[in-house]
Amino acid sequence: MKITFWGAARAVTGSQHLIHVNGKRILLDCGLFQGHRAQAFERNRNLPFEAESVDAMVLSHAHIDHCGNVPTLVKGGFRGDIHCTMATADLVSIMLRDSAHIHLRDVEYVNKKHKRKGLPPIEPLYSIEDAEESLNYLVGHNYNRWFPVTTGVRALLRDAGHILGSAIAVLEIKEDGRTFRLAFTGDLGRRDLPILRDPVLVSDIDYLITESTYGNRFHDDISHVETELAETVQHTYSKGGRLIIPAFSLERTQEVIYTLYRLKEAQKIPTLPIYVDSPLAIDATEVFRVHPECFDDEINEYLLRQEDPFGFRGLHYFRNVEESKRLNELDGPMIIISASGMCEAGRILHHLKNNIEDERNTVLIVSFQAEHTLGRRIAEKRERVRIFGEEYELRAHVKVIDSFSGHADRTELLGWIRHADGDLKGVFVVHGEEEQSMALAEGIRDLGVPSVLVPRRGDNVTV
């Protein structure tokens, strides 16, 4: 067996790992690379392998850096099955359509500049029709049930606890008279997060491809999140201000809503309107409602005994632009949750533009903010930030709550790997900035794993 690491190698986006076994090719994830516009455009448009040569794909979860380039794969001639969980299949259907819309808008923006410069127009990475065509290849599976992938390879999906439907893929491989198991974490979640079950501990594996997003970072205790959020709401309410929460439409928005619901039920926050201003978040929340098999016991009890924690009184979902604009005309304290989580696109930019210079307001950061993003600059409390090309003074209070993160931190990653390390012969560390990946690799070596590699893009290893 040979593994070639084509994406998320010493980087945090564009997950793509290609396995060659028994004359077949299996692709683990096909995510979008996210970075500087020109580099991302070039890398995403040109897959580093022949799409039609891939026989099957196993998809860990529905985040766009793991699934977002599936339409390009299908456009290129891929005709195999894309194996994932049932919930992931449902989420991918809305994520890819939304991604196509974003590419179309981006291309329209770039082509306006090209026209002024006399340059030829460019085409979007893929169209809505391309996205919809790729959905025909999704094959949904339940957790914990083996299914065939290709010749001599079967797979099992275990709950990764990262987002709804996220999975750790375990491949059992028979090759040249031997049988061994390779596990791929996708993105590994955390214990005790709201809504989802904890990540499943996996053992009896020989090789592991693991993420390392927080390979040298540590989260605050998750038990503090409700107290911190309640204090932030009360602080903003006391000043008559608005609480602006940039949040990813998938998972983070639902976690924030659920936590606000719990605080409201416990009367730990004042009564004030909550607006979710994101069409994608609305669609994702609908998918949440139809997949209770992914929920932990706590939220299932709420669903049986209490009102809908995603549809309680005082919670309003805004889909169209006119509703979004009307928020600027409303008076009094309120909470606005909008995408994108790193403040790089979407309606959140308008809410920040309209509210960031008012010291009564609060911007609450609840997600990891990558370098060179507006969200990172706000989290660092820069005095001035640029929104839509114009500078604004950051007068609003800024609060960062790291406890909402859906990625396992260093302690949690090493704890999960320690449990798996019965007969581990090798670990490949991916999906992290180089510093994080290298630090986690060193920690894994300290566990006694005989071979730990941090591959670069294009590296291949023979197992």
Protein backbone atom coordinates (compact mmCIF):
# COMPACT_ATOMS: atom_id res chain seq x y z
CA MET A 1 0.00 0.00 0.00
CA LYS A 2 1.19 3.49 -0.86
CA ILE A 3 -0.23 6.76 0.53
CA THR A 4 0.30 10.10 -1.22
CA PHE A 5 -0.51 13.22 0.81
CA TRP A 6 -1.93 15.79 -1.62
CA GLY A 7 -3.61 18.21 0.77
CA ALA A 8 -3.66 19.39 4.39
CA ALA A 9 0.00 18.38 4.65
CA ARG A 10 1.71 20.93 6.91
CA ALA A 11 -1.40 23.03 6.28
CA VAL A 12 -4.93 23.14 7.67
CA THR A 13 -7.08 23.06 4.54
CA GLY A 14 -7.55 21.06 1.35
CA SER A 15 -7.65 17.58 2.91
CA GLN A 16 -6.74 14.98 0.22
CA HIS A 17 -4.91 11.70 0.83
CA LEU A 18 -4.67 9.12 -1.95
CA ILE A 19 -4.23 5.41 -1.17
CA HIS A 20 -2.91 2.95 -3.78
CA VAL A 21 -3.74 -0.63 -2.85
CA ASN A 22 -4.40 -3.84 -4.81
CA GLY A 23 -4.24 -1.91 -8.07
CA LYS A 24 -7.00 0.45 -6.89
CA ARG A 25 -7.04 4.06 -5.71
CA ILE A 26 -9.01 5.29 -2.70
CA LEU A 27 -9.21 9.00 -1.93
CA LEU A 28 -9.65 10.15 1.68
CA ASP A 29 -11.49 13.50 1.50
CA CYS A 30 -11.45 16.00 -1.34
CA GLY A 31 -11.44 19.40 0.33
CA LEU A 32 -10.93 22.93 -0.88
CA PHE A 33 -7.58 24.56 -0.27
CA GLN A 34 -8.21 27.95 1.34
CA GLY A 35 -5.59 30.67 1.18
CA HIS A 36 -4.51 33.57 -1.00
CA ARG A 37 -6.99 33.90 -3.86
CA ALA A 38 -4.61 33.20 -6.78
CA GLN A 39 -2.93 30.21 -5.13
CA ALA A 40 -6.25 28.72 -4.00
CA PHE A 41 -7.78 29.22 -7.44
CA GLU A 42 -4.90 27.43 -9.15
CA ARG A 43 -4.62 24.52 -6.72
CA ASN A 44 -8.35 23.82 -6.46
CA ARG A 45 -8.90 23.92 -10.21
CA ASN A 46 -6.04 21.51 -11.00
CA LEU A 47 -6.22 18.27 -9.05
CA PRO A 48 -2.77 16.68 -8.61
CA PHE A 49 -4.01 13.30 -9.85
CA GLU A 50 -6.25 11.98 -12.62
CA ALA A 51 -9.79 12.12 -11.28
CA GLU A 52 -11.00 9.20 -13.41
CA SER A 53 -8.23 7.01 -11.96
CA VAL A 54 -9.78 7.17 -8.46
CA ASP A 55 -11.96 4.12 -7.79
CA ALA A 56 -13.65 5.17 -4.55
CA MET A 57 -13.64 7.92 -1.95
CA VAL A 58 -14.19 7.97 1.81
CA LEU A 59 -15.34 11.34 3.17
CA SER A 60 -14.77 12.13 6.85
CA HIS A 61 -17.23 15.03 7.23
CA ALA A 62 -18.99 17.95 5.59
CA HIS A 63 -16.69 20.88 6.32
CA ILE A 64 -15.73 22.57 3.07
CA ASP A 65 -11.99 22.00 3.52
CA HIS A 66 -12.76 18.28 3.48
CA CYS A 67 -15.60 17.99 0.93
CA GLY A 68 -15.55 21.25 -1.04
CA ASN A 69 -13.71 20.04 -4.14
CA VAL A 70 -15.82 16.94 -4.77
CA PRO A 71 -17.57 18.65 -7.74
CA THR A 72 -14.18 19.21 -9.41
CA LEU A 73 -13.36 15.54 -8.85
CA VAL A 74 -16.63 14.48 -10.54
CA LYS A 75 -16.17 17.05 -13.34
CA GLY A 76 -12.77 15.46 -13.96
CA GLY A 77 -14.24 12.01 -14.53
CA PHE A 78 -14.55 10.34 -11.12
CA ARG A 79 -17.41 7.82 -11.18
CA GLY A 80 -16.93 5.82 -8.01
CA ASP A 81 -18.83 5.80 -4.73
CA ILE A 82 -18.29 8.53 -2.13
CA HIS A 83 -18.73 6.79 1.23
CA CYS A 84 -19.78 8.84 4.27
CA THR A 85 -22.32 8.85 7.08
CA MET A 86 -26.01 9.56 6.48
CA ALA A 87 -25.79 12.95 8.20
CA THR A 88 -22.70 13.92 6.21
CA ALA A 89 -24.49 13.11 2.96
CA ASP A 90 -27.35 15.44 3.92
CA LEU A 91 -25.02 18.23 5.00
CA VAL A 92 -22.82 17.94 1.91
CA SER A 93 -25.87 18.52 -0.27
CA ILE A 94 -26.34 22.01 1.20
CA MET A 95 -22.64 22.79 1.68
CA LEU A 96 -21.71 22.15 -1.96
CA ARG A 97 -24.63 24.18 -3.33
CA ASP A 98 -23.62 27.06 -1.06
CA SER A 99 -19.99 26.67 -2.12
CA ALA A 100 -21.02 26.92 -5.78
CA HIS A 101 -22.87 30.16 -5.02
CA ILE A 102 -19.77 31.56 -3.33
CA HIS A 103 -17.53 30.65 -6.28
CA LEU A 104 -19.99 32.32 -8.64
CA ARG A 105 -20.00 35.53 -6.60
CA ASP A 106 -16.20 35.52 -6.31
CA VAL A 107 -15.80 35.11 -10.06
CA GLU A 108 -18.25 37.93 -10.75
CA TYR A 109 -16.15 40.18 -8.49
CA VAL A 110 -12.87 39.16 -10.15
CA ASN A 111 -14.30 39.49 -13.66
CA LYS A 112 -15.34 43.10 -12.99
CA LYS A 113 -11.69 43.85 -12.24
CA HIS A 114 -10.56 41.85 -15.28
CA LYS A 115 -12.93 43.78 -17.53
CA ARG A 116 -11.54 47.12 -16.36
CA LYS A 117 -8.01 45.85 -17.05
CA GLY A 118 -8.89 44.35 -20.43
CA LEU A 119 -8.22 40.81 -19.19
CA PRO A 120 -10.26 37.77 -20.27
CA PRO A 121 -12.99 36.55 -17.90
CA ILE A 122 -12.50 33.46 -15.74
CA GLU A 123 -14.94 30.64 -15.03
CA PRO A 124 -16.08 29.59 -11.54
CA LEU A 125 -14.42 26.50 -10.09
CA TYR A 126 -17.74 24.71 -10.49
CA SER A 127 -21.40 25.56 -11.03
CA ILE A 128 -24.50 24.74 -9.00
CA GLU A 129 -25.26 22.08 -11.62
CA ASP A 130 -21.79 20.57 -11.07
CA ALA A 131 -22.39 20.53 -7.32
CA GLU A 132 -25.75 18.83 -7.75
CA GLU A 133 -24.30 16.25 -10.16
CA SER A 134 -21.65 15.27 -7.61
CA LEU A 135 -24.35 14.46 -5.05
CA ASN A 136 -25.34 11.45 -7.16
CA TYR A 137 -22.19 9.65 -6.02
CA LEU A 138 -22.77 9.96 -2.26
CA VAL A 139 -23.43 6.68 -0.45
CA GLY A 140 -24.57 7.10 3.15
CA HIS A 141 -23.74 4.58 5.87
CA ASN A 142 -24.63 4.17 9.53
CA TYR A 143 -21.89 4.31 12.13
CA ASN A 144 -20.26 1.06 13.20
CA ARG A 145 -21.19 -1.07 10.18
CA TRP A 146 -18.56 -2.51 7.83
CA PHE A 147 -18.99 -1.91 4.09
CA PRO A 148 -16.88 -2.81 1.02
CA VAL A 149 -14.80 -0.05 -0.61
CA THR A 150 -12.61 -1.71 -3.29
CA THR A 151 -10.87 -5.02 -3.88
CA GLY A 152 -9.55 -6.27 -0.55
CA VAL A 153 -10.65 -3.17 1.37
CA ARG A 154 -13.60 -2.67 3.68
CA ALA A 155 -14.34 0.30 5.94
CA LEU A 156 -16.01 1.18 9.23
CA LEU A 157 -17.07 4.70 10.26
CA ARG A 158 -16.83 5.62 13.95
CA ASP A 159 -18.18 8.83 15.49
CA ALA A 160 -15.48 11.54 15.52
CA GLY A 161 -17.54 13.97 17.65
CA HIS A 162 -16.37 16.97 15.59
CA ILE A 163 -19.51 18.01 13.70
CA LEU A 164 -22.79 16.31 12.92
CA GLY A 165 -21.99 13.11 11.02
CA SER A 166 -18.21 13.42 11.31
CA ALA A 167 -16.39 10.11 11.19
CA ILE A 168 -13.13 8.38 11.94
CA ALA A 169 -12.63 6.02 8.99
CA VAL A 170 -11.10 2.62 9.73
CA LEU A 171 -9.95 0.75 6.63
CA GLU A 172 -9.26 -2.97 6.87
CA ILE A 173 -6.89 -3.89 4.06
CA LYS A 174 -5.97 -7.32 2.70
CA GLU A 175 -2.92 -7.13 0.46
CA ASP A 176 -0.25 -9.66 -0.52
CA GLY A 177 -1.38 -12.22 2.04
CA ARG A 178 -1.45 -9.85 5.03
CA THR A 179 -4.27 -7.99 6.76
CA PHE A 180 -3.84 -4.65 8.52
CA ARG A 181 -5.89 -1.61 9.52
CA LEU A 182 -5.41 2.07 8.70
CA ALA A 183 -7.44 4.73 10.56
CA PHE A 184 -8.03 8.31 9.43
CA THR A 185 -9.29 10.73 12.08
CA GLY A 186 -10.65 13.36 9.70
CA ASP A 187 -11.08 16.11 12.30
CA LEU A 188 -11.26 14.76 15.84
CA GLY A 189 -13.75 16.36 18.22
CA ARG A 190 -13.72 16.97 21.97
CA ARG A 191 -15.36 15.36 24.95
CA ASP A 192 -18.34 16.98 26.68
CA LEU A 193 -19.26 19.37 23.87
CA PRO A 194 -22.96 20.27 23.65
CA ILE A 195 -25.22 18.39 21.21
CA LEU A 196 -22.84 15.70 19.92
CA ARG A 197 -21.56 12.46 21.37
CA ASP A 198 -17.94 12.23 22.45
CA PRO A 199 -15.35 10.94 19.94
CA VAL A 200 -15.20 7.16 19.90
CA LEU A 201 -11.95 5.66 21.10
CA VAL A 202 -10.48 3.38 18.43
CA SER A 203 -8.03 0.56 19.02
CA ASP A 204 -6.75 -2.47 17.09
CA ILE A 205 -5.23 -0.34 14.30
CA ASP A 206 -1.79 -0.59 12.72
CA TYR A 207 -1.41 2.82 11.04
CA LEU A 208 -3.00 6.19 11.69
CA ILE A 209 -3.44 9.44 9.74
CA THR A 210 -4.26 12.07 12.36
CA GLU A 211 -5.18 15.72 12.30
CA SER A 212 -3.11 18.20 14.33
CA THR A 213 -4.97 21.53 14.20
CA TYR A 214 -4.36 22.12 17.91
CA GLY A 215 -1.23 19.99 18.11
CA ASN A 216 0.48 22.34 20.55
CA ARG A 217 -2.48 24.29 21.91
CA PHE A 218 -4.72 23.78 24.92
CA HIS A 219 -8.42 24.64 25.32
CA ASP A 220 -10.06 26.17 28.34
CA ASP A 221 -12.28 23.83 30.34
CA ILE A 222 -15.58 23.33 28.47
CA SER A 223 -17.46 23.64 31.78
CA HIS A 224 -16.64 27.37 31.82
CA VAL A 225 -18.36 28.15 28.52
CA GLU A 226 -21.87 28.77 29.90
CA THR A 227 -20.55 31.08 32.63
CA GLU A 228 -18.45 33.07 30.16
CA LEU A 229 -21.28 33.35 27.65
CA ALA A 230 -23.78 34.40 30.33
CA GLU A 231 -21.42 37.09 31.62
CA THR A 232 -20.85 38.38 28.08
CA VAL A 233 -24.59 38.59 27.38
CA GLN A 234 -25.27 40.34 30.71
CA HIS A 235 -22.41 42.82 30.15
CA THR A 236 -23.69 43.80 26.71
CA TYR A 237 -27.31 43.94 27.85
CA SER A 238 -26.42 46.26 30.75
CA LYS A 239 -24.96 48.76 28.27
CA GLY A 240 -27.94 48.51 25.94
CA GLY A 241 -25.73 47.12 23.20
CA ARG A 242 -25.69 44.38 20.60
CA LEU A 243 -23.83 41.11 20.90
CA ILE A 244 -22.42 40.24 17.46
CA ILE A 245 -21.30 36.61 17.10
CA PRO A 246 -19.45 35.53 13.92
CA ALA A 247 -20.06 31.79 13.71
CA PHE A 248 -19.65 29.06 11.15
CA SER A 249 -23.05 28.00 9.82
CA LEU A 250 -22.35 24.33 10.45
CA GLU A 251 -22.00 23.19 14.07
CA ARG A 252 -20.75 26.37 15.77
CA THR A 253 -24.02 28.25 15.19
CA GLN A 254 -26.05 25.32 16.52
CA GLU A 255 -23.79 24.98 19.60
CA VAL A 256 -24.15 28.68 20.42
CA ILE A 257 -27.94 28.53 19.96
CA TYR A 258 -28.21 25.48 22.21
CA THR A 259 -26.04 27.07 24.91
CA LEU A 260 -28.12 30.26 24.81
CA TYR A 261 -31.24 28.10 25.13
CA ARG A 262 -29.86 26.40 28.24
CA LEU A 263 -28.95 29.77 29.77
CA LYS A 264 -32.40 31.13 28.97
CA GLU A 265 -34.14 28.11 30.53
CA ALA A 266 -31.99 28.47 33.66
CA GLN A 267 -32.78 32.23 33.76
CA LYS A 268 -29.08 33.06 33.69
CA ILE A 269 -29.45 35.61 30.90
CA PRO A 270 -32.03 38.37 30.41
CA THR A 271 -34.80 38.03 27.86
CA LEU A 272 -33.68 39.57 24.57
CA PRO A 273 -34.19 38.69 20.90
CA ILE A 274 -31.71 36.38 19.17
CA TYR A 275 -31.34 36.61 15.39
CA VAL A 276 -29.64 33.96 13.25
CA ASP A 277 -28.85 35.77 10.01
CA SER A 278 -27.51 33.05 7.71
CA PRO A 279 -29.41 31.03 5.09
CA LEU A 280 -26.83 28.23 5.27
CA ALA A 281 -27.14 28.05 9.07
CA ILE A 282 -30.92 27.72 8.70
CA ASP A 283 -30.50 24.82 6.27
CA ALA A 284 -27.87 23.17 8.46
CA THR A 285 -30.12 23.47 11.52
CA GLU A 286 -32.90 21.68 9.62
CA VAL A 287 -30.47 18.82 8.94
CA PHE A 288 -29.65 18.70 12.66
CA ARG A 289 -33.32 18.17 13.46
CA VAL A 290 -33.53 15.00 11.35
CA HIS A 291 -30.40 13.33 12.72
CA PRO A 292 -30.97 12.74 16.44
CA GLU A 293 -28.91 9.53 16.11
CA CYS A 294 -25.84 11.81 16.30
CA PHE A 295 -26.95 13.60 19.49
CA ASP A 296 -25.75 12.92 23.01
CA ASP A 297 -28.16 11.77 25.71
CA GLU A 298 -28.58 15.26 27.18
CA ILE A 299 -30.00 16.92 24.09
CA ASN A 300 -32.18 13.90 23.27
CA GLU A 301 -33.78 14.29 26.70
CA TYR A 302 -34.39 17.97 25.97
CA LEU A 303 -36.07 17.06 22.69
CA LEU A 304 -38.38 14.65 24.51
CA ARG A 305 -39.29 16.85 27.48
CA GLN A 306 -38.72 20.47 26.52
CA GLU A 307 -39.38 22.80 23.59
CA ASP A 308 -37.16 22.62 20.52
CA PRO A 309 -33.72 23.99 21.54
CA PHE A 310 -33.23 25.16 17.93
CA GLY A 311 -36.60 26.91 17.74
CA PHE A 312 -37.40 28.44 21.13
CA ARG A 313 -39.34 31.65 21.73
CA GLY A 314 -37.29 34.75 21.05
CA LEU A 315 -35.12 32.99 18.45
CA HIS A 316 -35.55 34.31 14.90
CA TYR A 317 -34.06 32.95 11.66
CA PHE A 318 -33.52 35.40 8.80
CA ARG A 319 -33.08 34.02 5.32
CA ASN A 320 -33.53 36.92 2.88
CA VAL A 321 -31.46 40.07 2.52
CA GLU A 322 -34.29 42.48 3.34
CA GLU A 323 -34.80 40.86 6.74
CA SER A 324 -31.06 41.13 7.35
CA LYS A 325 -31.06 44.84 6.52
CA ARG A 326 -33.97 45.51 8.89
CA LEU A 327 -31.79 44.51 11.84
CA ASN A 328 -30.02 47.87 11.47
CA GLU A 329 -33.30 49.66 12.14
CA LEU A 330 -34.16 47.81 15.37
CA ASP A 331 -33.54 49.34 18.78
CA GLY A 332 -32.47 47.82 22.06
CA PRO A 333 -30.18 44.99 23.10
CA MET A 334 -30.08 41.89 20.90
CA ILE A 335 -27.89 38.99 19.84
CA ILE A 336 -26.96 38.56 16.16
CA ILE A 337 -25.34 35.32 14.98
CA SER A 338 -24.08 35.37 11.41
CA ALA A 339 -21.52 33.78 9.07
CA SER A 340 -18.76 33.47 8.15
CA GLY A 341 -16.97 32.40 11.29
CA MET A 342 -13.65 34.06 10.34
CA CYS A 343 -15.40 37.24 9.12
CA GLU A 344 -14.01 36.85 5.61
CA ALA A 345 -17.33 36.82 3.75
CA GLY A 346 -21.08 36.77 4.24
CA ARG A 347 -23.56 38.92 6.12
CA ILE A 348 -21.41 39.15 9.23
CA LEU A 349 -19.32 41.79 7.43
CA HIS A 350 -22.33 44.11 7.23
CA HIS A 351 -23.14 43.60 10.92
CA LEU A 352 -19.55 44.33 11.90
CA LYS A 353 -19.44 47.41 9.68
CA ASN A 354 -22.60 48.77 11.30
CA ASN A 355 -21.77 47.92 14.92
CA ILE A 356 -18.01 47.73 15.45
CA GLU A 357 -17.52 51.43 16.22
CA ASP A 358 -20.14 51.52 19.00
CA GLU A 359 -18.57 50.92 22.43
CA ARG A 360 -21.90 49.63 23.78
CA ASN A 361 -21.62 46.57 21.53
CA THR A 362 -19.62 43.36 21.91
CA VAL A 363 -18.03 41.14 19.26
CA LEU A 364 -17.83 37.58 20.57
CA ILE A 365 -15.27 35.29 18.89
CA VAL A 366 -16.17 31.60 19.32
CA SER A 367 -14.08 29.90 16.59
CA PHE A 368 -10.45 29.47 15.63
CA GLN A 369 -9.30 32.46 13.57
CA ALA A 370 -6.66 31.79 10.93
CA GLU A 371 -3.83 34.20 10.24
CA HIS A 372 -4.53 37.15 7.95
CA THR A 373 -8.32 37.02 8.50
CA LEU A 374 -10.54 39.85 9.75
CA GLY A 375 -11.63 37.61 12.61
CA ARG A 376 -8.01 37.20 13.72
CA ARG A 377 -7.46 40.98 13.66
CA ILE A 378 -10.59 41.52 15.74
CA ALA A 379 -9.58 38.77 18.19
CA GLU A 380 -6.20 40.51 18.55
CA LYS A 381 -8.10 43.75 19.28
CA ARG A 382 -6.43 45.84 16.62
CA GLU A 383 -7.29 49.53 16.95
CA ARG A 384 -8.47 49.75 13.34
CA VAL A 385 -9.70 47.07 10.94
CA ARG A 386 -10.63 47.07 7.26
CA ILE A 387 -14.11 45.99 6.17
CA PHE A 388 -15.11 46.17 2.50
CA GLY A 389 -11.87 48.05 1.86
CA GLU A 390 -12.59 50.83 4.38
CA GLU A 391 -11.06 51.36 7.82
CA TYR A 392 -13.16 51.27 10.98
CA GLU A 393 -12.19 51.94 14.58
CA LEU A 394 -12.64 48.91 16.81
CA ARG A 395 -14.52 50.54 19.69
CA ALA A 396 -16.77 47.58 20.48
CA HIS A 397 -15.74 45.30 23.32
CA VAL A 398 -14.13 42.06 22.10
CA LYS A 399 -14.54 38.77 23.95
CA VAL A 400 -12.92 35.48 22.91
CA ILE A 401 -14.30 32.15 24.16
CA ASP A 402 -12.04 29.31 23.01
CA SER A 403 -14.06 26.60 24.75
CA PHE A 404 -16.47 26.26 21.82
CA SER A 405 -13.75 24.84 19.57
CA GLY A 406 -14.75 21.57 17.92
CA HIS A 407 -11.15 20.33 17.51
CA ALA A 408 -9.39 18.18 20.08
CA ASP A 409 -6.46 20.01 21.66
CA ARG A 410 -2.99 18.59 22.30
CA THR A 411 -3.97 16.77 25.50
CA GLU A 412 -7.10 15.29 23.90
CA LEU A 413 -5.30 14.24 20.71
CA LEU A 414 -2.50 12.52 22.61
CA GLY A 415 -5.01 10.87 24.94
CA TRP A 416 -6.96 9.49 21.98
CA ILE A 417 -3.77 8.22 20.30
CA ARG A 418 -2.49 6.74 23.57
CA HIS A 419 -5.66 4.62 23.71
CA ALA A 420 -5.15 3.53 20.09
CA ASP A 421 -1.49 2.73 20.64
CA GLY A 422 -1.57 -0.98 21.25
CA ASP A 423 0.18 -2.12 18.10
CA LEU A 424 0.58 1.17 16.22
CA LYS A 425 3.42 0.79 13.75
CA GLY A 426 3.21 4.26 12.21
CA VAL A 427 1.44 7.62 12.46
CA PHE A 428 1.19 10.31 9.78
CA VAL A 429 0.46 13.79 11.14
CA VAL A 430 -1.56 16.08 8.85
CA HIS A 431 -4.10 18.92 8.94
CA GLY A 432 -2.21 21.47 10.98
CA GLU A 433 0.10 24.44 10.58
CA GLU A 434 3.65 23.09 10.45
CA GLU A 435 4.48 24.19 13.99
CA GLN A 436 1.42 22.40 15.36
CA SER A 437 2.01 19.21 13.35
CA MET A 438 5.67 18.98 14.35
CA ALA A 439 4.85 19.51 18.02
CA LEU A 440 2.17 16.81 18.01
CA ALA A 441 4.52 14.43 16.19
CA GLU A 442 7.06 14.85 18.95
CA GLY A 443 4.39 14.10 21.54
CA ILE A 444 3.39 10.94 19.68
CA ARG A 445 7.01 9.79 19.55
CA ASP A 446 7.12 10.23 23.33
CA LEU A 447 4.27 7.71 23.52
CA GLY A 448 6.61 5.13 22.01
CA VAL A 449 5.20 4.90 18.48
CA PRO A 450 8.10 3.60 16.35
CA SER A 451 7.47 5.69 13.22
CA VAL A 452 5.92 9.19 13.16
CA LEU A 453 6.03 11.29 9.98
CA VAL A 454 4.86 14.81 9.14
CA PRO A 455 4.51 14.61 5.34
CA ARG A 456 4.79 17.52 2.95
CA ARG A 457 2.40 17.98 0.04
CA GLY A 458 3.16 15.35 -2.60
CA ASP A 459 5.11 13.06 -0.28
CA ASN A 460 4.28 9.39 -0.54
CA VAL A 461 5.02 6.51 1.79
CA THR A 462 4.88 2.77 1.31
CA VAL A 463 3.33 0.70 4.07
